[in-house]
Amino acid sequence: RFPPHPIRGVRVLHQKQNCAPQFAEIEVDFEPAAEGFAFEV
């Protein structure tokens, strides 16, 4: 099962600098749940 235990503070910076720039920075926690996928802010 994923995750087998809490996985906290997963931080990602996605940045591309070209003619079509991309920028997103997020930090998320993954908590075990009974089933399925849930996302919240």
PDB file of all heavy atoms in Angstrom:
ATOM      1  N   ARG A   1       0.856  -1.188   0.000  1.00  0.00           N
ATOM      2  CA  ARG A   1       0.000   0.000   0.000  1.00  0.00           C
ATOM      3  C   ARG A   1       0.888   1.233   0.000  1.00  0.00           C
ATOM      4  O   ARG A   1       1.952   1.239   0.610  1.00  0.00           O
ATOM      5  CB  ARG A   1      -0.912   0.001   1.221  1.00  0.00           C
ATOM      6  CG  ARG A   1      -1.933  -1.139   1.175  1.00  0.00           C
ATOM      7  CD  ARG A   1      -2.697  -1.270   2.475  1.00  0.00           C
ATOM      8  NE  ARG A   1      -3.478  -0.108   2.828  1.00  0.00           N
ATOM      9  CZ  ARG A   1      -4.706   0.154   2.383  1.00  0.00           C
ATOM     10  NH1 ARG A   1      -5.287  -0.678   1.553  1.00  0.00           N
ATOM     11  NH2 ARG A   1      -5.355   1.230   2.777  1.00  0.00           N
ATOM     12  N   PHE A   2       0.423   2.266  -0.670  1.00  0.00           N
ATOM     13  CA  PHE A   2       1.164   3.522  -0.683  1.00  0.00           C
ATOM     14  C   PHE A   2       0.307   4.625  -0.105  1.00  0.00           C
ATOM     15  O   PHE A   2      -0.815   4.813  -0.560  1.00  0.00           O
ATOM     16  CB  PHE A   2       1.593   3.930  -2.088  1.00  0.00           C
ATOM     17  CG  PHE A   2       2.318   5.250  -2.069  1.00  0.00           C
ATOM     18  CD1 PHE A   2       3.668   5.301  -1.799  1.00  0.00           C
ATOM     19  CD2 PHE A   2       1.637   6.438  -2.244  1.00  0.00           C
ATOM     20  CE1 PHE A   2       4.333   6.520  -1.730  1.00  0.00           C
ATOM     21  CE2 PHE A   2       2.285   7.664  -2.171  1.00  0.00           C
ATOM     22  CZ  PHE A   2       3.635   7.699  -1.915  1.00  0.00           C
ATOM     23  N   PRO A   3       0.826   5.338   0.864  1.00  0.00           N
ATOM     24  CA  PRO A   3       2.116   5.146   1.531  1.00  0.00           C
ATOM     25  C   PRO A   3       1.976   4.201   2.718  1.00  0.00           C
ATOM     26  O   PRO A   3       0.920   4.141   3.334  1.00  0.00           O
ATOM     27  CB  PRO A   3       2.480   6.556   1.992  1.00  0.00           C
ATOM     28  CG  PRO A   3       1.147   7.180   2.317  1.00  0.00           C
ATOM     29  CD  PRO A   3       0.183   6.587   1.297  1.00  0.00           C
ATOM     30  N   PRO A   4       3.044   3.489   3.052  1.00  0.00           N
ATOM     31  CA  PRO A   4       2.968   2.594   4.206  1.00  0.00           C
ATOM     32  C   PRO A   4       2.993   3.360   5.523  1.00  0.00           C
ATOM     33  O   PRO A   4       2.611   2.830   6.557  1.00  0.00           O
ATOM     34  CB  PRO A   4       4.221   1.729   4.058  1.00  0.00           C
ATOM     35  CG  PRO A   4       5.178   2.584   3.281  1.00  0.00           C
ATOM     36  CD  PRO A   4       4.326   3.421   2.362  1.00  0.00           C
ATOM     37  N   HIS A   5       3.445   4.601   5.476  1.00  0.00           N
ATOM     38  CA  HIS A   5       3.545   5.474   6.642  1.00  0.00           C
ATOM     39  C   HIS A   5       3.491   6.913   6.119  1.00  0.00           C
ATOM     40  O   HIS A   5       3.651   7.140   4.914  1.00  0.00           O
ATOM     41  CB  HIS A   5       4.856   5.227   7.402  1.00  0.00           C
ATOM     42  CG  HIS A   5       6.055   5.266   6.504  1.00  0.00           C
ATOM     43  ND1 HIS A   5       6.623   6.448   6.047  1.00  0.00           N
ATOM     44  CD2 HIS A   5       6.769   4.270   5.935  1.00  0.00           C
ATOM     45  CE1 HIS A   5       7.643   6.170   5.250  1.00  0.00           C
ATOM     46  NE2 HIS A   5       7.750   4.856   5.161  1.00  0.00           N
ATOM     47  N   PRO A   6       3.266   7.901   6.987  1.00  0.00           N
ATOM     48  CA  PRO A   6       3.239   9.286   6.493  1.00  0.00           C
ATOM     49  C   PRO A   6       4.571   9.665   5.835  1.00  0.00           C
ATOM     50  O   PRO A   6       5.639   9.315   6.326  1.00  0.00           O
ATOM     51  CB  PRO A   6       3.008  10.123   7.758  1.00  0.00           C
ATOM     52  CG  PRO A   6       2.360   9.175   8.714  1.00  0.00           C
ATOM     53  CD  PRO A   6       2.966   7.830   8.421  1.00  0.00           C
ATOM     54  N   ILE A   7       4.471  10.354   4.717  1.00  0.00           N
ATOM     55  CA  ILE A   7       5.640  10.903   4.030  1.00  0.00           C
ATOM     56  C   ILE A   7       5.369  12.393   3.920  1.00  0.00           C
ATOM     57  O   ILE A   7       4.533  12.828   3.135  1.00  0.00           O
ATOM     58  CB  ILE A   7       5.839  10.261   2.640  1.00  0.00           C
ATOM     59  CG1 ILE A   7       6.015   8.750   2.778  1.00  0.00           C
ATOM     60  CG2 ILE A   7       7.044  10.898   1.935  1.00  0.00           C
ATOM     61  CD1 ILE A   7       6.060   8.005   1.449  1.00  0.00           C
ATOM     62  N   ARG A   8       6.059  13.146   4.752  1.00  0.00           N
ATOM     63  CA  ARG A   8       5.743  14.569   4.872  1.00  0.00           C
ATOM     64  C   ARG A   8       6.847  15.436   4.269  1.00  0.00           C
ATOM     65  O   ARG A   8       7.999  15.037   4.173  1.00  0.00           O
ATOM     66  CB  ARG A   8       5.540  14.930   6.336  1.00  0.00           C
ATOM     67  CG  ARG A   8       4.338  14.217   6.919  1.00  0.00           C
ATOM     68  CD  ARG A   8       3.915  14.782   8.259  1.00  0.00           C
ATOM     69  NE  ARG A   8       2.704  14.122   8.703  1.00  0.00           N
ATOM     70  CZ  ARG A   8       2.672  13.156   9.600  1.00  0.00           C
ATOM     71  NH1 ARG A   8       3.773  12.742  10.166  1.00  0.00           N
ATOM     72  NH2 ARG A   8       1.514  12.610   9.940  1.00  0.00           N
ATOM     73  N   GLY A   9       6.437  16.640   3.881  1.00  0.00           N
ATOM     74  CA  GLY A   9       7.397  17.629   3.407  1.00  0.00           C
ATOM     75  C   GLY A   9       8.021  17.315   2.064  1.00  0.00           C
ATOM     76  O   GLY A   9       9.192  17.616   1.841  1.00  0.00           O
ATOM     77  N   VAL A  10       7.252  16.732   1.157  1.00  0.00           N
ATOM     78  CA  VAL A  10       7.772  16.449  -0.181  1.00  0.00           C
ATOM     79  C   VAL A  10       7.693  17.746  -0.981  1.00  0.00           C
ATOM     80  O   VAL A  10       6.619  18.197  -1.356  1.00  0.00           O
ATOM     81  CB  VAL A  10       6.980  15.321  -0.878  1.00  0.00           C
ATOM     82  CG1 VAL A  10       7.518  15.078  -2.271  1.00  0.00           C
ATOM     83  CG2 VAL A  10       7.021  14.051  -0.043  1.00  0.00           C
ATOM     84  N   ARG A  11       8.859  18.325  -1.223  1.00  0.00           N
ATOM     85  CA  ARG A  11       8.935  19.642  -1.872  1.00  0.00           C
ATOM     86  C   ARG A  11       9.528  19.502  -3.264  1.00  0.00           C
ATOM     87  O   ARG A  11      10.539  18.836  -3.453  1.00  0.00           O
ATOM     88  CB  ARG A  11       9.802  20.575  -1.037  1.00  0.00           C
ATOM     89  CG  ARG A  11       9.855  21.979  -1.577  1.00  0.00           C
ATOM     90  CD  ARG A  11      10.609  22.888  -0.607  1.00  0.00           C
ATOM     91  NE  ARG A  11      10.791  24.178  -1.207  1.00  0.00           N
ATOM     92  CZ  ARG A  11      11.896  24.564  -1.843  1.00  0.00           C
ATOM     93  NH1 ARG A  11      12.928  23.756  -1.943  1.00  0.00           N
ATOM     94  NH2 ARG A  11      11.966  25.763  -2.373  1.00  0.00           N
ATOM     95  N   VAL A  12       8.873  20.147  -4.226  1.00  0.00           N
ATOM     96  CA  VAL A  12       9.312  20.107  -5.618  1.00  0.00           C
ATOM     97  C   VAL A  12       9.284  21.513  -6.198  1.00  0.00           C
ATOM     98  O   VAL A  12       8.305  22.246  -6.024  1.00  0.00           O
ATOM     99  CB  VAL A  12       8.389  19.194  -6.464  1.00  0.00           C
ATOM    100  CG1 VAL A  12       8.682  19.327  -7.937  1.00  0.00           C
ATOM    101  CG2 VAL A  12       8.510  17.755  -6.027  1.00  0.00           C
ATOM    102  N   LEU A  13      10.360  21.861  -6.884  1.00  0.00           N
ATOM    103  CA  LEU A  13      10.409  23.089  -7.671  1.00  0.00           C
ATOM    104  C   LEU A  13      10.584  22.669  -9.119  1.00  0.00           C
ATOM    105  O   LEU A  13      11.593  22.060  -9.478  1.00  0.00           O
ATOM    106  CB  LEU A  13      11.578  23.980  -7.239  1.00  0.00           C
ATOM    107  CG  LEU A  13      11.866  25.185  -8.139  1.00  0.00           C
ATOM    108  CD1 LEU A  13      10.679  26.141  -8.184  1.00  0.00           C
ATOM    109  CD2 LEU A  13      13.124  25.902  -7.677  1.00  0.00           C
ATOM    110  N   HIS A  14       9.571  22.939  -9.920  1.00  0.00           N
ATOM    111  CA  HIS A  14       9.646  22.653 -11.366  1.00  0.00           C
ATOM    112  C   HIS A  14       9.796  23.989 -12.077  1.00  0.00           C
ATOM    113  O   HIS A  14       8.922  24.848 -11.993  1.00  0.00           O
ATOM    114  CB  HIS A  14       8.400  21.924 -11.852  1.00  0.00           C
ATOM    115  CG  HIS A  14       8.337  21.808 -13.337  1.00  0.00           C
ATOM    116  ND1 HIS A  14       9.266  21.094 -14.055  1.00  0.00           N
ATOM    117  CD2 HIS A  14       7.492  22.341 -14.248  1.00  0.00           C
ATOM    118  CE1 HIS A  14       8.983  21.194 -15.342  1.00  0.00           C
ATOM    119  NE2 HIS A  14       7.907  21.946 -15.478  1.00  0.00           N
ATOM    120  N   GLN A  15      10.920  24.146 -12.763  1.00  0.00           N
ATOM    121  CA  GLN A  15      11.190  25.417 -13.425  1.00  0.00           C
ATOM    122  C   GLN A  15      11.926  25.149 -14.732  1.00  0.00           C
ATOM    123  O   GLN A  15      12.952  24.481 -14.749  1.00  0.00           O
ATOM    124  CB  GLN A  15      12.045  26.284 -12.503  1.00  0.00           C
ATOM    125  CG  GLN A  15      12.274  27.671 -12.997  1.00  0.00           C
ATOM    126  CD  GLN A  15      12.935  28.533 -11.923  1.00  0.00           C
ATOM    127  OE1 GLN A  15      13.362  28.047 -10.879  1.00  0.00           O
ATOM    128  NE2 GLN A  15      13.021  29.807 -12.182  1.00  0.00           N
ATOM    129  N   LYS A  16      11.368  25.645 -15.814  1.00  0.00           N
ATOM    130  CA  LYS A  16      11.993  25.593 -17.136  1.00  0.00           C
ATOM    131  C   LYS A  16      12.008  27.002 -17.688  1.00  0.00           C
ATOM    132  O   LYS A  16      10.989  27.687 -17.663  1.00  0.00           O
ATOM    133  CB  LYS A  16      11.195  24.695 -18.095  1.00  0.00           C
ATOM    134  CG  LYS A  16      11.517  23.240 -17.995  1.00  0.00           C
ATOM    135  CD  LYS A  16      10.687  22.409 -18.939  1.00  0.00           C
ATOM    136  CE  LYS A  16      11.002  22.684 -20.376  1.00  0.00           C
ATOM    137  NZ  LYS A  16      10.259  21.815 -21.302  1.00  0.00           N
ATOM    138  N   GLN A  17      13.160  27.411 -18.164  1.00  0.00           N
ATOM    139  CA  GLN A  17      13.260  28.742 -18.747  1.00  0.00           C
ATOM    140  C   GLN A  17      13.587  28.588 -20.222  1.00  0.00           C
ATOM    141  O   GLN A  17      14.694  28.210 -20.580  1.00  0.00           O
ATOM    142  CB  GLN A  17      14.332  29.564 -18.032  1.00  0.00           C
ATOM    143  CG  GLN A  17      13.990  29.808 -16.592  1.00  0.00           C
ATOM    144  CD  GLN A  17      15.078  30.561 -15.859  1.00  0.00           C
ATOM    145  OE1 GLN A  17      16.194  30.667 -16.308  1.00  0.00           O
ATOM    146  NE2 GLN A  17      14.729  31.093 -14.707  1.00  0.00           N
ATOM    147  N   ASN A  18      12.602  28.831 -21.047  1.00  0.00           N
ATOM    148  CA  ASN A  18      12.773  28.815 -22.498  1.00  0.00           C
ATOM    149  C   ASN A  18      11.662  29.685 -23.091  1.00  0.00           C
ATOM    150  O   ASN A  18      11.072  30.494 -22.396  1.00  0.00           O
ATOM    151  CB  ASN A  18      12.771  27.379 -23.048  1.00  0.00           C
ATOM    152  CG  ASN A  18      11.519  26.615 -22.684  1.00  0.00           C
ATOM    153  OD1 ASN A  18      10.489  27.192 -22.366  1.00  0.00           O
ATOM    154  ND2 ASN A  18      11.598  25.302 -22.726  1.00  0.00           N
ATOM    155  N   CYS A  19      11.366  29.507 -24.362  1.00  0.00           N
ATOM    156  CA  CYS A  19      10.327  30.339 -24.976  1.00  0.00           C
ATOM    157  C   CYS A  19       8.934  30.040 -24.411  1.00  0.00           C
ATOM    158  O   CYS A  19       8.021  30.853 -24.565  1.00  0.00           O
ATOM    159  CB  CYS A  19      10.351  30.189 -26.492  1.00  0.00           C
ATOM    160  SG  CYS A  19      10.105  28.514 -27.046  1.00  0.00           S
ATOM    161  N   ALA A  20       8.772  28.907 -23.763  1.00  0.00           N
ATOM    162  CA  ALA A  20       7.512  28.577 -23.076  1.00  0.00           C
ATOM    163  C   ALA A  20       7.852  28.235 -21.625  1.00  0.00           C
ATOM    164  O   ALA A  20       7.932  27.074 -21.253  1.00  0.00           O
ATOM    165  CB  ALA A  20       6.833  27.403 -23.760  1.00  0.00           C
ATOM    166  N   PRO A  21       8.097  29.257 -20.784  1.00  0.00           N
ATOM    167  CA  PRO A  21       8.559  28.988 -19.417  1.00  0.00           C
ATOM    168  C   PRO A  21       7.525  28.236 -18.581  1.00  0.00           C
ATOM    169  O   PRO A  21       6.328  28.314 -18.839  1.00  0.00           O
ATOM    170  CB  PRO A  21       8.818  30.381 -18.853  1.00  0.00           C
ATOM    171  CG  PRO A  21       7.992  31.298 -19.668  1.00  0.00           C
ATOM    172  CD  PRO A  21       7.887  30.680 -21.038  1.00  0.00           C
ATOM    173  N   GLN A  22       8.049  27.488 -17.614  1.00  0.00           N
ATOM    174  CA  GLN A  22       7.198  26.755 -16.680  1.00  0.00           C
ATOM    175  C   GLN A  22       7.718  26.997 -15.271  1.00  0.00           C
ATOM    176  O   GLN A  22       8.927  26.957 -15.031  1.00  0.00           O
ATOM    177  CB  GLN A  22       7.230  25.257 -16.981  1.00  0.00           C
ATOM    178  CG  GLN A  22       6.662  24.906 -18.330  1.00  0.00           C
ATOM    179  CD  GLN A  22       6.662  23.412 -18.585  1.00  0.00           C
ATOM    180  OE1 GLN A  22       6.916  22.610 -17.695  1.00  0.00           O
ATOM    181  NE2 GLN A  22       6.356  23.031 -19.806  1.00  0.00           N
ATOM    182  N   PHE A  23       6.802  27.238 -14.340  1.00  0.00           N
ATOM    183  CA  PHE A  23       7.179  27.421 -12.942  1.00  0.00           C
ATOM    184  C   PHE A  23       6.062  26.918 -12.039  1.00  0.00           C
ATOM    185  O   PHE A  23       4.907  27.323 -12.181  1.00  0.00           O
ATOM    186  CB  PHE A  23       7.448  28.898 -12.616  1.00  0.00           C
ATOM    187  CG  PHE A  23       7.869  29.089 -11.186  1.00  0.00           C
ATOM    188  CD1 PHE A  23       9.203  29.059 -10.841  1.00  0.00           C
ATOM    189  CD2 PHE A  23       6.927  29.268 -10.185  1.00  0.00           C
ATOM    190  CE1 PHE A  23       9.597  29.199  -9.514  1.00  0.00           C
ATOM    191  CE2 PHE A  23       7.311  29.413  -8.852  1.00  0.00           C
ATOM    192  CZ  PHE A  23       8.650  29.380  -8.518  1.00  0.00           C
ATOM    193  N   ALA A  24       6.429  26.041 -11.125  1.00  0.00           N
ATOM    194  CA  ALA A  24       5.505  25.584 -10.079  1.00  0.00           C
ATOM    195  C   ALA A  24       6.345  25.068  -8.926  1.00  0.00           C
ATOM    196  O   ALA A  24       7.309  24.324  -9.135  1.00  0.00           O
ATOM    197  CB  ALA A  24       4.590  24.482 -10.588  1.00  0.00           C
ATOM    198  N   GLU A  25       5.979  25.476  -7.741  1.00  0.00           N
ATOM    199  CA  GLU A  25       6.622  24.944  -6.544  1.00  0.00           C
ATOM    200  C   GLU A  25       5.531  24.482  -5.607  1.00  0.00           C
ATOM    201  O   GLU A  25       4.580  25.235  -5.332  1.00  0.00           O
ATOM    202  CB  GLU A  25       7.491  25.997  -5.867  1.00  0.00           C
ATOM    203  CG  GLU A  25       8.240  25.447  -4.675  1.00  0.00           C
ATOM    204  CD  GLU A  25       9.204  26.440  -4.056  1.00  0.00           C
ATOM    205  OE1 GLU A  25       9.210  27.622  -4.449  1.00  0.00           O
ATOM    206  OE2 GLU A  25       9.947  26.018  -3.158  1.00  0.00           O
ATOM    207  N   ILE A  26       5.655  23.241  -5.148  1.00  0.00           N
ATOM    208  CA  ILE A  26       4.664  22.697  -4.228  1.00  0.00           C
ATOM    209  C   ILE A  26       5.363  21.920  -3.118  1.00  0.00           C
ATOM    210  O   ILE A  26       6.484  21.438  -3.295  1.00  0.00           O
ATOM    211  CB  ILE A  26       3.628  21.782  -4.921  1.00  0.00           C
ATOM    212  CG1 ILE A  26       4.298  20.560  -5.567  1.00  0.00           C
ATOM    213  CG2 ILE A  26       2.797  22.560  -5.923  1.00  0.00           C
ATOM    214  CD1 ILE A  26       3.320  19.527  -6.107  1.00  0.00           C
ATOM    215  N   GLU A  27       4.682  21.838  -1.996  1.00  0.00           N
ATOM    216  CA  GLU A  27       5.101  20.952  -0.912  1.00  0.00           C
ATOM    217  C   GLU A  27       3.862  20.205  -0.452  1.00  0.00           C
ATOM    218  O   GLU A  27       2.834  20.833  -0.156  1.00  0.00           O
ATOM    219  CB  GLU A  27       5.701  21.728   0.248  1.00  0.00           C
ATOM    220  CG  GLU A  27       6.199  20.826   1.358  1.00  0.00           C
ATOM    221  CD  GLU A  27       6.868  21.585   2.483  1.00  0.00           C
ATOM    222  OE1 GLU A  27       7.584  22.562   2.201  1.00  0.00           O
ATOM    223  OE2 GLU A  27       6.651  21.198   3.653  1.00  0.00           O
ATOM    224  N   VAL A  28       3.956  18.886  -0.441  1.00  0.00           N
ATOM    225  CA  VAL A  28       2.805  18.059  -0.102  1.00  0.00           C
ATOM    226  C   VAL A  28       3.180  17.019   0.952  1.00  0.00           C
ATOM    227  O   VAL A  28       4.338  16.626   1.077  1.00  0.00           O
ATOM    228  CB  VAL A  28       2.221  17.350  -1.348  1.00  0.00           C
ATOM    229  CG1 VAL A  28       1.550  18.327  -2.282  1.00  0.00           C
ATOM    230  CG2 VAL A  28       3.274  16.555  -2.091  1.00  0.00           C
ATOM    231  N   ASP A  29       2.170  16.587   1.679  1.00  0.00           N
ATOM    232  CA  ASP A  29       2.282  15.479   2.623  1.00  0.00           C
ATOM    233  C   ASP A  29       1.440  14.332   2.081  1.00  0.00           C
ATOM    234  O   ASP A  29       0.333  14.555   1.571  1.00  0.00           O
ATOM    235  CB  ASP A  29       1.745  15.860   4.004  1.00  0.00           C
ATOM    236  CG  ASP A  29       2.571  16.926   4.703  1.00  0.00           C
ATOM    237  OD1 ASP A  29       3.737  17.147   4.316  1.00  0.00           O
ATOM    238  OD2 ASP A  29       2.034  17.539   5.646  1.00  0.00           O
ATOM    239  N   PHE A  30       1.963  13.119   2.201  1.00  0.00           N
ATOM    240  CA  PHE A  30       1.230  11.911   1.829  1.00  0.00           C
ATOM    241  C   PHE A  30       0.896  11.181   3.121  1.00  0.00           C
ATOM    242  O   PHE A  30       1.794  10.813   3.878  1.00  0.00           O
ATOM    243  CB  PHE A  30       2.086  11.005   0.936  1.00  0.00           C
ATOM    244  CG  PHE A  30       2.366  11.582  -0.415  1.00  0.00           C
ATOM    245  CD1 PHE A  30       3.381  12.513  -0.595  1.00  0.00           C
ATOM    246  CD2 PHE A  30       1.623  11.195  -1.521  1.00  0.00           C
ATOM    247  CE1 PHE A  30       3.654  13.053  -1.848  1.00  0.00           C
ATOM    248  CE2 PHE A  30       1.883  11.731  -2.774  1.00  0.00           C
ATOM    249  CZ  PHE A  30       2.902  12.656  -2.935  1.00  0.00           C
ATOM    250  N   GLU A  31      -0.388  10.994   3.386  1.00  0.00           N
ATOM    251  CA  GLU A  31      -0.847  10.330   4.600  1.00  0.00           C
ATOM    252  C   GLU A  31      -1.545   9.029   4.207  1.00  0.00           C
ATOM    253  O   GLU A  31      -2.288   8.994   3.221  1.00  0.00           O
ATOM    254  CB  GLU A  31      -1.842  11.220   5.354  1.00  0.00           C
ATOM    255  CG  GLU A  31      -1.322  12.592   5.718  1.00  0.00           C
ATOM    256  CD  GLU A  31      -0.343  12.579   6.880  1.00  0.00           C
ATOM    257  OE1 GLU A  31      -0.294  11.569   7.621  1.00  0.00           O
ATOM    258  OE2 GLU A  31       0.380  13.572   7.050  1.00  0.00           O
ATOM    259  N   PRO A  32      -1.327   7.949   4.978  1.00  0.00           N
ATOM    260  CA  PRO A  32      -2.070   6.721   4.694  1.00  0.00           C
ATOM    261  C   PRO A  32      -3.573   6.954   4.819  1.00  0.00           C
ATOM    262  O   PRO A  32      -4.017   7.738   5.658  1.00  0.00           O
ATOM    263  CB  PRO A  32      -1.577   5.747   5.766  1.00  0.00           C
ATOM    264  CG  PRO A  32      -0.256   6.301   6.203  1.00  0.00           C
ATOM    265  CD  PRO A  32      -0.387   7.797   6.079  1.00  0.00           C
ATOM    266  N   ALA A  33      -4.331   6.297   3.975  1.00  0.00           N
ATOM    267  CA  ALA A  33      -5.797   6.378   3.997  1.00  0.00           C
ATOM    268  C   ALA A  33      -6.363   4.967   3.898  1.00  0.00           C
ATOM    269  O   ALA A  33      -5.632   4.013   3.603  1.00  0.00           O
ATOM    270  CB  ALA A  33      -6.295   7.241   2.843  1.00  0.00           C
ATOM    271  N   ALA A  34      -7.644   4.843   4.129  1.00  0.00           N
ATOM    272  CA  ALA A  34      -8.288   3.529   4.052  1.00  0.00           C
ATOM    273  C   ALA A  34      -8.196   2.950   2.638  1.00  0.00           C
ATOM    274  O   ALA A  34      -7.906   1.768   2.462  1.00  0.00           O
ATOM    275  CB  ALA A  34      -9.745   3.634   4.495  1.00  0.00           C
ATOM    276  N   GLU A  35      -8.442   3.816   1.633  1.00  0.00           N
ATOM    277  CA  GLU A  35      -8.358   3.364   0.244  1.00  0.00           C
ATOM    278  C   GLU A  35      -8.397   4.567  -0.681  1.00  0.00           C
ATOM    279  O   GLU A  35      -8.805   5.665  -0.302  1.00  0.00           O
ATOM    280  CB  GLU A  35      -9.504   2.409  -0.095  1.00  0.00           C
ATOM    281  CG  GLU A  35     -10.872   3.048  -0.018  1.00  0.00           C
ATOM    282  CD  GLU A  35     -12.007   2.072  -0.306  1.00  0.00           C
ATOM    283  OE1 GLU A  35     -11.751   0.879  -0.513  1.00  0.00           O
ATOM    284  OE2 GLU A  35     -13.152   2.531  -0.324  1.00  0.00           O
ATOM    285  N   GLY A  36      -7.962   4.358  -1.911  1.00  0.00           N
ATOM    286  CA  GLY A  36      -8.100   5.368  -2.950  1.00  0.00           C
ATOM    287  C   GLY A  36      -7.168   6.559  -2.823  1.00  0.00           C
ATOM    288  O   GLY A  36      -6.159   6.527  -2.119  1.00  0.00           O
ATOM    289  N   PHE A  37      -7.546   7.619  -3.532  1.00  0.00           N
ATOM    290  CA  PHE A  37      -6.751   8.835  -3.609  1.00  0.00           C
ATOM    291  C   PHE A  37      -7.618  10.028  -3.242  1.00  0.00           C
ATOM    292  O   PHE A  37      -8.709  10.192  -3.793  1.00  0.00           O
ATOM    293  CB  PHE A  37      -6.211   9.018  -5.039  1.00  0.00           C
ATOM    294  CG  PHE A  37      -5.437  10.283  -5.237  1.00  0.00           C
ATOM    295  CD1 PHE A  37      -4.088  10.341  -4.927  1.00  0.00           C
ATOM    296  CD2 PHE A  37      -6.043  11.422  -5.744  1.00  0.00           C
ATOM    297  CE1 PHE A  37      -3.360  11.515  -5.111  1.00  0.00           C
ATOM    298  CE2 PHE A  37      -5.333  12.601  -5.938  1.00  0.00           C
ATOM    299  CZ  PHE A  37      -3.984  12.645  -5.621  1.00  0.00           C
ATOM    300  N   ALA A  38      -7.138  10.836  -2.322  1.00  0.00           N
ATOM    301  CA  ALA A  38      -7.833  12.075  -1.952  1.00  0.00           C
ATOM    302  C   ALA A  38      -6.796  13.191  -1.930  1.00  0.00           C
ATOM    303  O   ALA A  38      -5.657  12.986  -1.506  1.00  0.00           O
ATOM    304  CB  ALA A  38      -8.499  11.931  -0.594  1.00  0.00           C
ATOM    305  N   PHE A  39      -7.202  14.368  -2.376  1.00  0.00           N
ATOM    306  CA  PHE A  39      -6.315  15.521  -2.422  1.00  0.00           C
ATOM    307  C   PHE A  39      -7.030  16.690  -1.765  1.00  0.00           C
ATOM    308  O   PHE A  39      -8.211  16.924  -2.028  1.00  0.00           O
ATOM    309  CB  PHE A  39      -5.978  15.874  -3.873  1.00  0.00           C
ATOM    310  CG  PHE A  39      -5.034  17.037  -4.017  1.00  0.00           C
ATOM    311  CD1 PHE A  39      -3.662  16.824  -4.002  1.00  0.00           C
ATOM    312  CD2 PHE A  39      -5.504  18.319  -4.187  1.00  0.00           C
ATOM    313  CE1 PHE A  39      -2.776  17.882  -4.144  1.00  0.00           C
ATOM    314  CE2 PHE A  39      -4.634  19.390  -4.331  1.00  0.00           C
ATOM    315  CZ  PHE A  39      -3.266  19.174  -4.306  1.00  0.00           C
ATOM    316  N   GLU A  40      -6.299  17.394  -0.922  1.00  0.00           N
ATOM    317  CA  GLU A  40      -6.888  18.588  -0.316  1.00  0.00           C
ATOM    318  C   GLU A  40      -5.831  19.666  -0.176  1.00  0.00           C
ATOM    319  O   GLU A  40      -4.633  19.395  -0.145  1.00  0.00           O
ATOM    320  CB  GLU A  40      -7.526  18.273   1.029  1.00  0.00           C
ATOM    321  CG  GLU A  40      -6.558  17.827   2.094  1.00  0.00           C
ATOM    322  CD  GLU A  40      -7.284  17.399   3.370  1.00  0.00           C
ATOM    323  OE1 GLU A  40      -8.046  16.426   3.341  1.00  0.00           O
ATOM    324  OE2 GLU A  40      -7.049  18.068   4.403  1.00  0.00           O
ATOM    325  N   VAL A  41      -6.308  20.883  -0.098  1.00  0.00           N
ATOM    326  CA  VAL A  41      -5.451  22.048   0.093  1.00  0.00           C
ATOM    327  C   VAL A  41      -5.571  22.448   1.560  1.00  0.00           C
ATOM    328  O   VAL A  41      -6.684  22.583   2.085  1.00  0.00           O
ATOM    329  CB  VAL A  41      -5.897  23.207  -0.829  1.00  0.00           C
ATOM    330  CG1 VAL A  41      -5.061  24.450  -0.576  1.00  0.00           C
ATOM    331  CG2 VAL A  41      -5.818  22.782  -2.290  1.00  0.00           C
TER     332      VAL A  41
END
